[in-house]
C-alpha cells in the first residue's frame, strides 16, 4: 500500500516557524483569550493582537460597527487597556500557548511607539511586533505616520533601534504609492510587511440623516476590498525583498491562495472572524486540499507564482 503523503504547510517568517500560513488580523480576534473556547488557537499559524498603546485608550463613541453588503465598517478607535495591563494579563496568558504572536503596537508620538515596542520586546514573550503606522503624530499637527513615507521610515528606524525581535510594518492603502512606502520602511530596517489596512468609508441612515457610526467615518474591510489588496500585495512584492503577510477581504481558501500567488508569504483573516471564529482553520484545510490536488509538496510553492509580463 502506498504511503499517505501529506503536504507541508509549515513556513518560516523572519526566523519564526509557523505550522501553517494562516494568521488572524489585529483587532479581529481580541488578544486570543476571547476565542479560546471556540477553537484550538494553537492550530492557527499565528495571532496578531489588538493594538497596544502606552496609556489606556477608551476608543471611539458607539456605534462602532456597521455591516455593508460586501464587508464591514468599523471605528473602534484603538480601544485597549494600555501597556501595563497588556503585559501583566494578555501577553503572559498568550506566552503559554505554542503559537507565534505578533503584538500590534500603536502610538500618538514616536516616543510612545518606542516605549511600547521596547517594553514588549524586553519581555521575550512576543515572537514579533506589528507596527500600526495608521495613527496621527500629535507632534506633527496630527499628520498620520502612514501618509508620508519619510515619516513612516523615520518611525521604523527609531523603533528598530530599541527592539530585539522582528518588526513588521502594517501598510495602509491611504498612502499615495504603497510600493514606495514599503521600500522606504524596508530601507529603514523593517523585517517584514503586513498589508493592507482598511479603507476610509462612511454609511448614512437616510431615515434620520445621520451617520451609521458614532465617529462618522470608519474603515471598510471584507470582500469589497479584496481585489485591491491583491493588487497592492503584488506591487509591494516586486518592490521589496521582505516577507509579506497579506490581508484584506480573505473570505475563502481561494482568496488566501490568490493572495499568496501574487507574493504574500502568509495571510491573515480579519472580518470573516466576526461571522465565524473557526473560519481560519477551514481556510487552512482548503489550502491543504488545493495543494494535494495540484500535486504540490509545500505551501511555499504557491508564493509569487503569478508573474508580470516584464518579469
C-alpha atoms as a PDB file:
ATOM      1  CA  UNK A   1       0.000   0.000   0.000  1.00  0.00           C
ATOM      2  CA  UNK A   2       1.349   3.442  -0.951  1.00  0.00           C
ATOM      3  CA  UNK A   3       2.376   5.660   1.922  1.00  0.00           C
ATOM      4  CA  UNK A   4      -0.021   8.514   2.628  1.00  0.00           C
ATOM      5  CA  UNK A   5       1.694  11.706   1.507  1.00  0.00           C
ATOM      6  CA  UNK A   6       0.820  14.937   3.259  1.00  0.00           C
ATOM      7  CA  UNK A   7       1.744  18.396   2.041  1.00  0.00           C
ATOM      8  CA  UNK A   8       3.975  20.582   4.177  1.00  0.00           C
ATOM      9  CA  UNK A   9       2.008  23.618   5.381  1.00  0.00           C
ATOM     10  CA  UNK A  10       4.819  24.939   7.571  1.00  0.00           C
ATOM     11  CA  UNK A  11       6.526  28.232   6.765  1.00  0.00           C
ATOM     12  CA  UNK A  12       9.180  30.450   8.302  1.00  0.00           C
ATOM     13  CA  UNK A  13       8.887  34.221   8.605  1.00  0.00           C
ATOM     14  CA  UNK A  14      11.902  36.181   9.846  1.00  0.00           C
ATOM     15  CA  UNK A  15      13.179  33.113  11.671  1.00  0.00           C
ATOM     16  CA  UNK A  16       9.748  32.405  13.205  1.00  0.00           C
ATOM     17  CA  UNK A  17       8.378  28.949  12.480  1.00  0.00           C
ATOM     18  CA  UNK A  18       4.629  28.737  11.760  1.00  0.00           C
ATOM     19  CA  UNK A  19       2.746  25.441  11.421  1.00  0.00           C
ATOM     20  CA  UNK A  20       0.693  26.935   8.569  1.00  0.00           C
ATOM     21  CA  UNK A  21       0.458  30.269   6.728  1.00  0.00           C
ATOM     22  CA  UNK A  22      -2.900  31.423   8.161  1.00  0.00           C
ATOM     23  CA  UNK A  23      -2.908  34.069  10.896  1.00  0.00           C
ATOM     24  CA  UNK A  24      -5.674  36.273  12.310  1.00  0.00           C
ATOM     25  CA  UNK A  25      -5.646  40.048  11.888  1.00  0.00           C
ATOM     26  CA  UNK A  26      -5.139  42.584  14.626  1.00  0.00           C
ATOM     27  CA  UNK A  27      -8.409  43.881  16.042  1.00  0.00           C
ATOM     28  CA  UNK A  28     -10.470  40.910  14.871  1.00  0.00           C
ATOM     29  CA  UNK A  29      -9.514  38.236  17.408  1.00  0.00           C
ATOM     30  CA  UNK A  30      -9.132  40.248  20.577  1.00  0.00           C
ATOM     31  CA  UNK A  31      -5.983  39.024  22.260  1.00  0.00           C
ATOM     32  CA  UNK A  32      -6.858  35.390  21.648  1.00  0.00           C
ATOM     33  CA  UNK A  33      -8.416  34.662  25.021  1.00  0.00           C
ATOM     34  CA  UNK A  34     -11.874  35.656  23.771  1.00  0.00           C
ATOM     35  CA  UNK A  35     -11.791  32.964  21.085  1.00  0.00           C
ATOM     36  CA  UNK A  36     -10.137  30.147  23.009  1.00  0.00           C
ATOM     37  CA  UNK A  37     -13.483  28.497  23.793  1.00  0.00           C
ATOM     38  CA  UNK A  38     -14.418  28.368  20.107  1.00  0.00           C
ATOM     39  CA  UNK A  39     -11.388  26.643  18.661  1.00  0.00           C
ATOM     40  CA  UNK A  40      -7.884  25.409  19.345  1.00  0.00           C
ATOM     41  CA  UNK A  41      -5.830  28.581  18.984  1.00  0.00           C
ATOM     42  CA  UNK A  42      -2.622  26.610  18.576  1.00  0.00           C
ATOM     43  CA  UNK A  43      -3.932  25.218  15.284  1.00  0.00           C
ATOM     44  CA  UNK A  44      -3.529  28.700  13.775  1.00  0.00           C
ATOM     45  CA  UNK A  45      -0.355  29.768  12.044  1.00  0.00           C
ATOM     46  CA  UNK A  46      -0.093  32.842  14.248  1.00  0.00           C
ATOM     47  CA  UNK A  47      -2.045  35.580  16.016  1.00  0.00           C
ATOM     48  CA  UNK A  48      -1.853  39.349  15.768  1.00  0.00           C
ATOM     49  CA  UNK A  49      -3.065  41.079  18.930  1.00  0.00           C
ATOM     50  CA  UNK A  50      -5.231  44.129  19.269  1.00  0.00           C
ATOM     51  CA  UNK A  51      -3.318  47.402  19.137  1.00  0.00           C
ATOM     52  CA  UNK A  52      -1.477  48.239  22.348  1.00  0.00           C
ATOM     53  CA  UNK A  53      -0.908  51.870  23.320  1.00  0.00           C
ATOM     54  CA  UNK A  54       1.129  53.276  26.192  1.00  0.00           C
ATOM     55  CA  UNK A  55      -1.883  54.532  28.168  1.00  0.00           C
ATOM     56  CA  UNK A  56      -5.366  53.008  28.257  1.00  0.00           C
ATOM     57  CA  UNK A  57      -7.477  54.127  25.308  1.00  0.00           C
ATOM     58  CA  UNK A  58     -11.300  54.252  25.518  1.00  0.00           C
ATOM     59  CA  UNK A  59     -11.824  54.100  21.762  1.00  0.00           C
ATOM     60  CA  UNK A  60     -14.421  55.907  19.677  1.00  0.00           C
ATOM     61  CA  UNK A  61     -18.041  56.595  20.531  1.00  0.00           C
ATOM     62  CA  UNK A  62     -20.564  53.897  19.551  1.00  0.00           C
ATOM     63  CA  UNK A  63     -21.943  52.654  17.243  1.00  0.00           C
ATOM     64  CA  UNK A  64     -18.599  51.250  16.137  1.00  0.00           C
ATOM     65  CA  UNK A  65     -19.581  48.608  13.588  1.00  0.00           C
ATOM     66  CA  UNK A  66     -21.832  48.610  10.549  1.00  0.00           C
ATOM     67  CA  UNK A  67     -22.281  45.712   8.148  1.00  0.00           C
ATOM     68  CA  UNK A  68     -22.178  46.532   4.440  1.00  0.00           C
ATOM     69  CA  UNK A  69     -23.296  44.326   1.534  1.00  0.00           C
ATOM     70  CA  UNK A  70     -19.711  43.196   0.905  1.00  0.00           C
ATOM     71  CA  UNK A  71     -17.932  43.845   4.153  1.00  0.00           C
ATOM     72  CA  UNK A  72     -17.968  45.913   7.310  1.00  0.00           C
ATOM     73  CA  UNK A  73     -17.281  49.405   8.564  1.00  0.00           C
ATOM     74  CA  UNK A  74     -15.535  49.791  11.904  1.00  0.00           C
ATOM     75  CA  UNK A  75     -14.414  52.718  14.015  1.00  0.00           C
ATOM     76  CA  UNK A  76     -13.149  51.017  17.165  1.00  0.00           C
ATOM     77  CA  UNK A  77     -10.506  53.645  17.789  1.00  0.00           C
ATOM     78  CA  UNK A  78      -7.649  51.581  19.272  1.00  0.00           C
ATOM     79  CA  UNK A  79      -9.627  50.676  22.394  1.00  0.00           C
ATOM     80  CA  UNK A  80      -7.312  48.824  24.790  1.00  0.00           C
ATOM     81  CA  UNK A  81      -6.335  48.678  28.459  1.00  0.00           C
ATOM     82  CA  UNK A  82      -2.847  50.084  27.919  1.00  0.00           C
ATOM     83  CA  UNK A  83       0.659  48.633  28.012  1.00  0.00           C
ATOM     84  CA  UNK A  84       0.852  47.809  31.724  1.00  0.00           C
ATOM     85  CA  UNK A  85      -2.331  45.722  31.718  1.00  0.00           C
ATOM     86  CA  UNK A  86      -1.421  44.069  28.424  1.00  0.00           C
ATOM     87  CA  UNK A  87       1.932  42.908  29.750  1.00  0.00           C
ATOM     88  CA  UNK A  88       0.507  41.638  33.028  1.00  0.00           C
ATOM     89  CA  UNK A  89      -2.609  39.950  31.713  1.00  0.00           C
ATOM     90  CA  UNK A  90      -2.748  39.306  27.983  1.00  0.00           C
ATOM     91  CA  UNK A  91       0.863  38.724  26.941  1.00  0.00           C
ATOM     92  CA  UNK A  92       1.523  36.488  29.924  1.00  0.00           C
ATOM     93  CA  UNK A  93      -1.529  34.379  29.015  1.00  0.00           C
ATOM     94  CA  UNK A  94      -0.535  34.214  25.355  1.00  0.00           C
ATOM     95  CA  UNK A  95       3.011  33.159  26.206  1.00  0.00           C
ATOM     96  CA  UNK A  96       1.751  29.810  27.474  1.00  0.00           C
ATOM     97  CA  UNK A  97       0.442  28.903  24.024  1.00  0.00           C
ATOM     98  CA  UNK A  98       2.506  27.143  21.375  1.00  0.00           C
ATOM     99  CA  UNK A  99       1.629  29.910  18.940  1.00  0.00           C
ATOM    100  CA  UNK A 100       3.684  32.730  17.389  1.00  0.00           C
ATOM    101  CA  UNK A 101       2.286  36.099  18.462  1.00  0.00           C
ATOM    102  CA  UNK A 102       2.725  39.416  16.673  1.00  0.00           C
ATOM    103  CA  UNK A 103       1.928  42.260  19.084  1.00  0.00           C
ATOM    104  CA  UNK A 104       0.385  45.232  17.299  1.00  0.00           C
ATOM    105  CA  UNK A 105       1.928  48.472  18.585  1.00  0.00           C
ATOM    106  CA  UNK A 106       0.311  51.892  18.217  1.00  0.00           C
ATOM    107  CA  UNK A 107       1.058  55.387  19.489  1.00  0.00           C
ATOM    108  CA  UNK A 108       0.490  59.085  19.035  1.00  0.00           C
ATOM    109  CA  UNK A 109       4.139  60.159  19.031  1.00  0.00           C
ATOM    110  CA  UNK A 110       7.434  58.499  18.123  1.00  0.00           C
ATOM    111  CA  UNK A 111       8.343  58.319  21.809  1.00  0.00           C
ATOM    112  CA  UNK A 112       5.177  56.355  22.628  1.00  0.00           C
ATOM    113  CA  UNK A 113       5.853  53.825  19.895  1.00  0.00           C
ATOM    114  CA  UNK A 114       9.434  53.379  21.055  1.00  0.00           C
ATOM    115  CA  UNK A 115       8.475  52.878  24.701  1.00  0.00           C
ATOM    116  CA  UNK A 116       5.703  50.368  23.973  1.00  0.00           C
ATOM    117  CA  UNK A 117       7.767  48.417  21.453  1.00  0.00           C
ATOM    118  CA  UNK A 118      10.820  48.350  23.681  1.00  0.00           C
ATOM    119  CA  UNK A 119       8.916  47.123  26.740  1.00  0.00           C
ATOM    120  CA  UNK A 120       7.242  44.334  24.794  1.00  0.00           C
ATOM    121  CA  UNK A 121      10.490  43.254  23.171  1.00  0.00           C
ATOM    122  CA  UNK A 122      12.284  43.086  26.505  1.00  0.00           C
ATOM    123  CA  UNK A 123       9.752  40.626  27.932  1.00  0.00           C
ATOM    124  CA  UNK A 124      10.929  37.975  25.470  1.00  0.00           C
ATOM    125  CA  UNK A 125       7.311  36.754  25.244  1.00  0.00           C
ATOM    126  CA  UNK A 126       6.362  38.027  21.774  1.00  0.00           C
ATOM    127  CA  UNK A 127       7.560  36.499  18.512  1.00  0.00           C
ATOM    128  CA  UNK A 128       7.413  39.799  16.633  1.00  0.00           C
ATOM    129  CA  UNK A 129       5.885  43.265  16.572  1.00  0.00           C
ATOM    130  CA  UNK A 130       3.403  44.671  14.064  1.00  0.00           C
ATOM    131  CA  UNK A 131       3.786  48.433  13.794  1.00  0.00           C
ATOM    132  CA  UNK A 132       0.447  50.184  13.290  1.00  0.00           C
ATOM    133  CA  UNK A 133       1.509  53.322  11.447  1.00  0.00           C
ATOM    134  CA  UNK A 134      -2.086  54.414  10.742  1.00  0.00           C
ATOM    135  CA  UNK A 135      -2.001  56.736  13.759  1.00  0.00           C
ATOM    136  CA  UNK A 136      -1.773  60.542  13.899  1.00  0.00           C
ATOM    137  CA  UNK A 137       1.520  62.037  15.043  1.00  0.00           C
ATOM    138  CA  UNK A 138       0.307  64.672  17.507  1.00  0.00           C
ATOM    139  CA  UNK A 139       3.747  66.302  17.497  1.00  0.00           C
ATOM    140  CA  UNK A 140       3.398  66.993  13.772  1.00  0.00           C
ATOM    141  CA  UNK A 141      -0.054  68.511  13.822  1.00  0.00           C
ATOM    142  CA  UNK A 142      -1.885  65.214  13.546  1.00  0.00           C
ATOM    143  CA  UNK A 143      -0.341  64.010  10.294  1.00  0.00           C
ATOM    144  CA  UNK A 144      -0.626  60.237  10.075  1.00  0.00           C
ATOM    145  CA  UNK A 145       2.673  58.359  10.039  1.00  0.00           C
ATOM    146  CA  UNK A 146       1.329  56.269   7.184  1.00  0.00           C
ATOM    147  CA  UNK A 147       0.600  59.254   4.937  1.00  0.00           C
ATOM    148  CA  UNK A 148       4.264  60.160   4.494  1.00  0.00           C
ATOM    149  CA  UNK A 149       6.836  57.537   3.552  1.00  0.00           C
ATOM    150  CA  UNK A 150       9.612  59.537   5.216  1.00  0.00           C
ATOM    151  CA  UNK A 151       7.629  59.781   8.468  1.00  0.00           C
ATOM    152  CA  UNK A 152       6.985  56.046   8.354  1.00  0.00           C
ATOM    153  CA  UNK A 153      10.634  55.252   7.695  1.00  0.00           C
ATOM    154  CA  UNK A 154      11.848  57.536  10.480  1.00  0.00           C
ATOM    155  CA  UNK A 155       9.487  55.832  12.926  1.00  0.00           C
ATOM    156  CA  UNK A 156      10.653  52.380  11.862  1.00  0.00           C
ATOM    157  CA  UNK A 157      14.265  53.378  12.374  1.00  0.00           C
ATOM    158  CA  UNK A 158      13.579  54.648  15.903  1.00  0.00           C
ATOM    159  CA  UNK A 159      11.620  51.564  16.941  1.00  0.00           C
ATOM    160  CA  UNK A 160      14.040  49.137  15.340  1.00  0.00           C
ATOM    161  CA  UNK A 161      16.902  50.557  17.423  1.00  0.00           C
ATOM    162  CA  UNK A 162      15.056  49.660  20.654  1.00  0.00           C
ATOM    163  CA  UNK A 163      13.919  46.102  19.981  1.00  0.00           C
ATOM    164  CA  UNK A 164      15.459  42.673  19.543  1.00  0.00           C
ATOM    165  CA  UNK A 165      12.594  40.878  17.806  1.00  0.00           C
ATOM    166  CA  UNK A 166      11.367  41.135  14.198  1.00  0.00           C
ATOM    167  CA  UNK A 167       9.453  44.254  13.238  1.00  0.00           C
ATOM    168  CA  UNK A 168       6.625  44.058  10.701  1.00  0.00           C
ATOM    169  CA  UNK A 169       5.115  47.291   9.408  1.00  0.00           C
ATOM    170  CA  UNK A 170       1.386  47.344   8.650  1.00  0.00           C
ATOM    171  CA  UNK A 171       0.818  49.343   5.499  1.00  0.00           C
ATOM    172  CA  UNK A 172      -2.334  51.277   4.730  1.00  0.00           C
ATOM    173  CA  UNK A 173      -3.863  51.920   1.297  1.00  0.00           C
ATOM    174  CA  UNK A 174      -4.199  55.586   2.249  1.00  0.00           C
ATOM    175  CA  UNK A 175      -0.675  56.367   1.041  1.00  0.00           C
ATOM    176  CA  UNK A 176      -0.063  57.658  -2.488  1.00  0.00           C
ATOM    177  CA  UNK A 177       2.342  54.904  -3.534  1.00  0.00           C
ATOM    178  CA  UNK A 178       2.280  51.810  -1.331  1.00  0.00           C
ATOM    179  CA  UNK A 179       5.254  50.203  -3.071  1.00  0.00           C
ATOM    180  CA  UNK A 180       7.367  53.308  -2.400  1.00  0.00           C
ATOM    181  CA  UNK A 181       6.340  53.346   1.260  1.00  0.00           C
ATOM    182  CA  UNK A 182       7.235  49.653   1.517  1.00  0.00           C
ATOM    183  CA  UNK A 183      10.653  50.311   0.021  1.00  0.00           C
ATOM    184  CA  UNK A 184      11.252  53.191   2.450  1.00  0.00           C
ATOM    185  CA  UNK A 185      10.376  51.193   5.569  1.00  0.00           C
ATOM    186  CA  UNK A 186      12.416  48.264   4.278  1.00  0.00           C
ATOM    187  CA  UNK A 187      15.453  50.510   3.915  1.00  0.00           C
ATOM    188  CA  UNK A 188      14.821  51.802   7.460  1.00  0.00           C
ATOM    189  CA  UNK A 189      15.129  48.298   8.885  1.00  0.00           C
ATOM    190  CA  UNK A 190      11.696  46.648   8.750  1.00  0.00           C
ATOM    191  CA  UNK A 191      11.877  42.853   8.879  1.00  0.00           C
ATOM    192  CA  UNK A 192       8.563  42.301   7.142  1.00  0.00           C
ATOM    193  CA  UNK A 193       5.374  43.852   5.814  1.00  0.00           C
ATOM    194  CA  UNK A 194       1.741  43.219   6.754  1.00  0.00           C
ATOM    195  CA  UNK A 195      -0.855  44.648   4.391  1.00  0.00           C
ATOM    196  CA  UNK A 196      -3.366  46.079   3.895  1.00  0.00           C
ATOM    197  CA  UNK A 197      -5.278  48.053   6.487  1.00  0.00           C
ATOM    198  CA  UNK A 198      -8.845  49.275   5.931  1.00  0.00           C
ATOM    199  CA  UNK A 199     -10.110  51.938   3.510  1.00  0.00           C
ATOM    200  CA  UNK A 200     -11.747  55.133   4.821  1.00  0.00           C
ATOM    201  CA  UNK A 201     -15.504  54.864   4.280  1.00  0.00           C
ATOM    202  CA  UNK A 202     -18.895  56.011   5.522  1.00  0.00           C
ATOM    203  CA  UNK A 203     -22.547  54.961   5.707  1.00  0.00           C
ATOM    204  CA  UNK A 204     -25.661  57.056   6.407  1.00  0.00           C
ATOM    205  CA  UNK A 205     -29.104  56.237   7.796  1.00  0.00           C
ATOM    206  CA  UNK A 206     -31.308  58.047   5.287  1.00  0.00           C
ATOM    207  CA  UNK A 207     -34.346  57.986   7.598  1.00  0.00           C
ATOM    208  CA  UNK A 208     -32.600  60.050  10.248  1.00  0.00           C
ATOM    209  CA  UNK A 209     -29.959  61.665   8.015  1.00  0.00           C
ATOM    210  CA  UNK A 210     -27.276  60.590  10.463  1.00  0.00           C
ATOM    211  CA  UNK A 211     -24.051  58.631  10.127  1.00  0.00           C
ATOM    212  CA  UNK A 212     -24.211  54.926  10.948  1.00  0.00           C
ATOM    213  CA  UNK A 213     -21.022  55.209  13.016  1.00  0.00           C
ATOM    214  CA  UNK A 214     -20.507  57.304  16.116  1.00  0.00           C
ATOM    215  CA  UNK A 215     -17.215  58.522  14.705  1.00  0.00           C
ATOM    216  CA  UNK A 216     -18.973  59.418  11.406  1.00  0.00           C
ATOM    217  CA  UNK A 217     -16.394  57.626   9.254  1.00  0.00           C
ATOM    218  CA  UNK A 218     -14.639  54.303   9.700  1.00  0.00           C
ATOM    219  CA  UNK A 219     -12.575  51.691   7.945  1.00  0.00           C
ATOM    220  CA  UNK A 220     -14.020  49.419   5.256  1.00  0.00           C
ATOM    221  CA  UNK A 221     -12.885  45.794   5.310  1.00  0.00           C
ATOM    222  CA  UNK A 222     -14.127  42.497   3.915  1.00  0.00           C
ATOM    223  CA  UNK A 223     -14.603  41.046   0.417  1.00  0.00           C
ATOM    224  CA  UNK A 224     -15.212  44.502  -1.091  1.00  0.00           C
ATOM    225  CA  UNK A 225     -11.539  45.415  -0.735  1.00  0.00           C
ATOM    226  CA  UNK A 226     -10.004  42.053  -1.641  1.00  0.00           C
ATOM    227  CA  UNK A 227      -9.152  42.718  -5.315  1.00  0.00           C
ATOM    228  CA  UNK A 228      -7.477  45.998  -4.333  1.00  0.00           C
ATOM    229  CA  UNK A 229      -5.492  44.243  -1.616  1.00  0.00           C
ATOM    230  CA  UNK A 230      -4.355  41.599  -4.109  1.00  0.00           C
ATOM    231  CA  UNK A 231      -3.117  44.299  -6.485  1.00  0.00           C
ATOM    232  CA  UNK A 232      -1.255  46.116  -3.717  1.00  0.00           C
ATOM    233  CA  UNK A 233       0.425  42.941  -2.436  1.00  0.00           C
ATOM    234  CA  UNK A 234       1.514  42.197  -6.000  1.00  0.00           C
ATOM    235  CA  UNK A 235       3.076  45.672  -6.291  1.00  0.00           C
ATOM    236  CA  UNK A 236       4.862  45.528  -2.941  1.00  0.00           C
ATOM    237  CA  UNK A 237       6.178  42.014  -3.534  1.00  0.00           C
ATOM    238  CA  UNK A 238       8.018  43.420  -6.536  1.00  0.00           C
ATOM    239  CA  UNK A 239       9.375  46.423  -4.654  1.00  0.00           C
ATOM    240  CA  UNK A 240      10.895  44.783  -1.564  1.00  0.00           C
ATOM    241  CA  UNK A 241      12.652  41.566  -0.622  1.00  0.00           C
ATOM    242  CA  UNK A 242      10.852  41.080   2.684  1.00  0.00           C
ATOM    243  CA  UNK A 243       8.294  38.573   3.981  1.00  0.00           C
ATOM    244  CA  UNK A 244       4.719  39.756   3.402  1.00  0.00           C
ATOM    245  CA  UNK A 245       1.634  38.832   5.403  1.00  0.00           C
ATOM    246  CA  UNK A 246      -1.258  39.580   3.064  1.00  0.00           C
ATOM    247  CA  UNK A 247      -4.693  40.551   4.338  1.00  0.00           C
ATOM    248  CA  UNK A 248      -7.788  42.282   3.061  1.00  0.00           C
ATOM    249  CA  UNK A 249     -11.088  40.554   2.411  1.00  0.00           C
ATOM    250  CA  UNK A 250      -9.914  36.954   2.697  1.00  0.00           C
ATOM    251  CA  UNK A 251     -13.216  35.092   2.848  1.00  0.00           C
ATOM    252  CA  UNK A 252     -12.335  31.655   1.467  1.00  0.00           C
ATOM    253  CA  UNK A 253      -9.310  29.437   0.975  1.00  0.00           C
ATOM    254  CA  UNK A 254      -9.337  30.539  -2.663  1.00  0.00           C
ATOM    255  CA  UNK A 255      -8.779  34.144  -1.569  1.00  0.00           C
ATOM    256  CA  UNK A 256      -5.833  33.013   0.546  1.00  0.00           C
ATOM    257  CA  UNK A 257      -4.271  31.063  -2.322  1.00  0.00           C
ATOM    258  CA  UNK A 258      -4.752  34.045  -4.628  1.00  0.00           C
ATOM    259  CA  UNK A 259      -3.014  36.340  -2.141  1.00  0.00           C
ATOM    260  CA  UNK A 260      -0.053  34.000  -1.840  1.00  0.00           C
ATOM    261  CA  UNK A 261       0.219  33.570  -5.591  1.00  0.00           C
ATOM    262  CA  UNK A 262       0.809  37.315  -6.024  1.00  0.00           C
ATOM    263  CA  UNK A 263       3.584  37.398  -3.440  1.00  0.00           C
ATOM    264  CA  UNK A 264       2.449  37.114   0.174  1.00  0.00           C
ATOM    265  CA  UNK A 265       4.277  34.501   2.235  1.00  0.00           C
ATOM    266  CA  UNK A 266       1.372  34.161   4.652  1.00  0.00           C
ATOM    267  CA  UNK A 267      -2.145  35.526   5.007  1.00  0.00           C
ATOM    268  CA  UNK A 268      -4.236  36.918   7.831  1.00  0.00           C
ATOM    269  CA  UNK A 269      -8.006  36.580   8.172  1.00  0.00           C
ATOM    270  CA  UNK A 270      -9.897  39.549   9.574  1.00  0.00           C
ATOM    271  CA  UNK A 271     -13.547  40.489   9.048  1.00  0.00           C
ATOM    272  CA  UNK A 272     -14.578  36.865   8.486  1.00  0.00           C
ATOM    273  CA  UNK A 273     -13.759  36.141  12.137  1.00  0.00           C
ATOM    274  CA  UNK A 274     -16.785  38.168  13.211  1.00  0.00           C
ATOM    275  CA  UNK A 275     -19.041  35.816  11.259  1.00  0.00           C
ATOM    276  CA  UNK A 276     -17.248  32.540  12.006  1.00  0.00           C
ATOM    277  CA  UNK A 277     -14.465  32.361  14.605  1.00  0.00           C
ATOM    278  CA  UNK A 278     -13.360  28.950  13.324  1.00  0.00           C
ATOM    279  CA  UNK A 279     -13.186  30.022   9.672  1.00  0.00           C
ATOM    280  CA  UNK A 280      -9.362  30.405   9.609  1.00  0.00           C
ATOM    281  CA  UNK A 281      -8.965  26.688  10.291  1.00  0.00           C
ATOM    282  CA  UNK A 282     -11.297  25.877   7.419  1.00  0.00           C
ATOM    283  CA  UNK A 283      -9.092  28.025   5.196  1.00  0.00           C
ATOM    284  CA  UNK A 284      -6.059  26.010   6.310  1.00  0.00           C
ATOM    285  CA  UNK A 285      -7.847  22.814   5.287  1.00  0.00           C
ATOM    286  CA  UNK A 286      -8.839  24.317   1.948  1.00  0.00           C
ATOM    287  CA  UNK A 287      -5.270  25.314   1.152  1.00  0.00           C
ATOM    288  CA  UNK A 288      -4.034  21.814   2.020  1.00  0.00           C
ATOM    289  CA  UNK A 289      -6.632  20.179  -0.227  1.00  0.00           C
ATOM    290  CA  UNK A 290      -5.721  22.512  -3.100  1.00  0.00           C
ATOM    291  CA  UNK A 291      -2.021  21.701  -2.772  1.00  0.00           C
ATOM    292  CA  UNK A 292      -2.762  17.983  -2.774  1.00  0.00           C
ATOM    293  CA  UNK A 293      -4.944  18.316  -5.864  1.00  0.00           C
ATOM    294  CA  UNK A 294      -2.195  20.237  -7.649  1.00  0.00           C
ATOM    295  CA  UNK A 295       0.472  17.742  -6.628  1.00  0.00           C
ATOM    296  CA  UNK A 296       2.478  20.305  -4.652  1.00  0.00           C
ATOM    297  CA  UNK A 297       4.679  19.242  -1.748  1.00  0.00           C
ATOM    298  CA  UNK A 298       4.855  22.530   0.168  1.00  0.00           C
ATOM    299  CA  UNK A 299       2.711  25.622   0.638  1.00  0.00           C
ATOM    300  CA  UNK A 300       5.761  27.747  -0.153  1.00  0.00           C
ATOM    301  CA  UNK A 301       5.401  26.680  -3.777  1.00  0.00           C
ATOM    302  CA  UNK A 302       2.362  28.945  -4.033  1.00  0.00           C
ATOM    303  CA  UNK A 303       4.260  32.114  -3.200  1.00  0.00           C
ATOM    304  CA  UNK A 304       4.755  34.513  -6.102  1.00  0.00           C
ATOM    305  CA  UNK A 305       3.522  32.130  -8.788  1.00  0.00           C
ATOM    306  CA  UNK A 306       1.875  34.967 -10.711  1.00  0.00           C
ATOM    307  CA  UNK A 307       4.476  36.841 -12.691  1.00  0.00           C
ATOM    308  CA  UNK A 308       4.105  40.066 -14.641  1.00  0.00           C
ATOM    309  CA  UNK A 309       4.771  40.364 -18.356  1.00  0.00           C
ATOM    310  CA  UNK A 310       8.040  42.194 -17.703  1.00  0.00           C
ATOM    311  CA  UNK A 311       9.398  39.582 -15.298  1.00  0.00           C
END
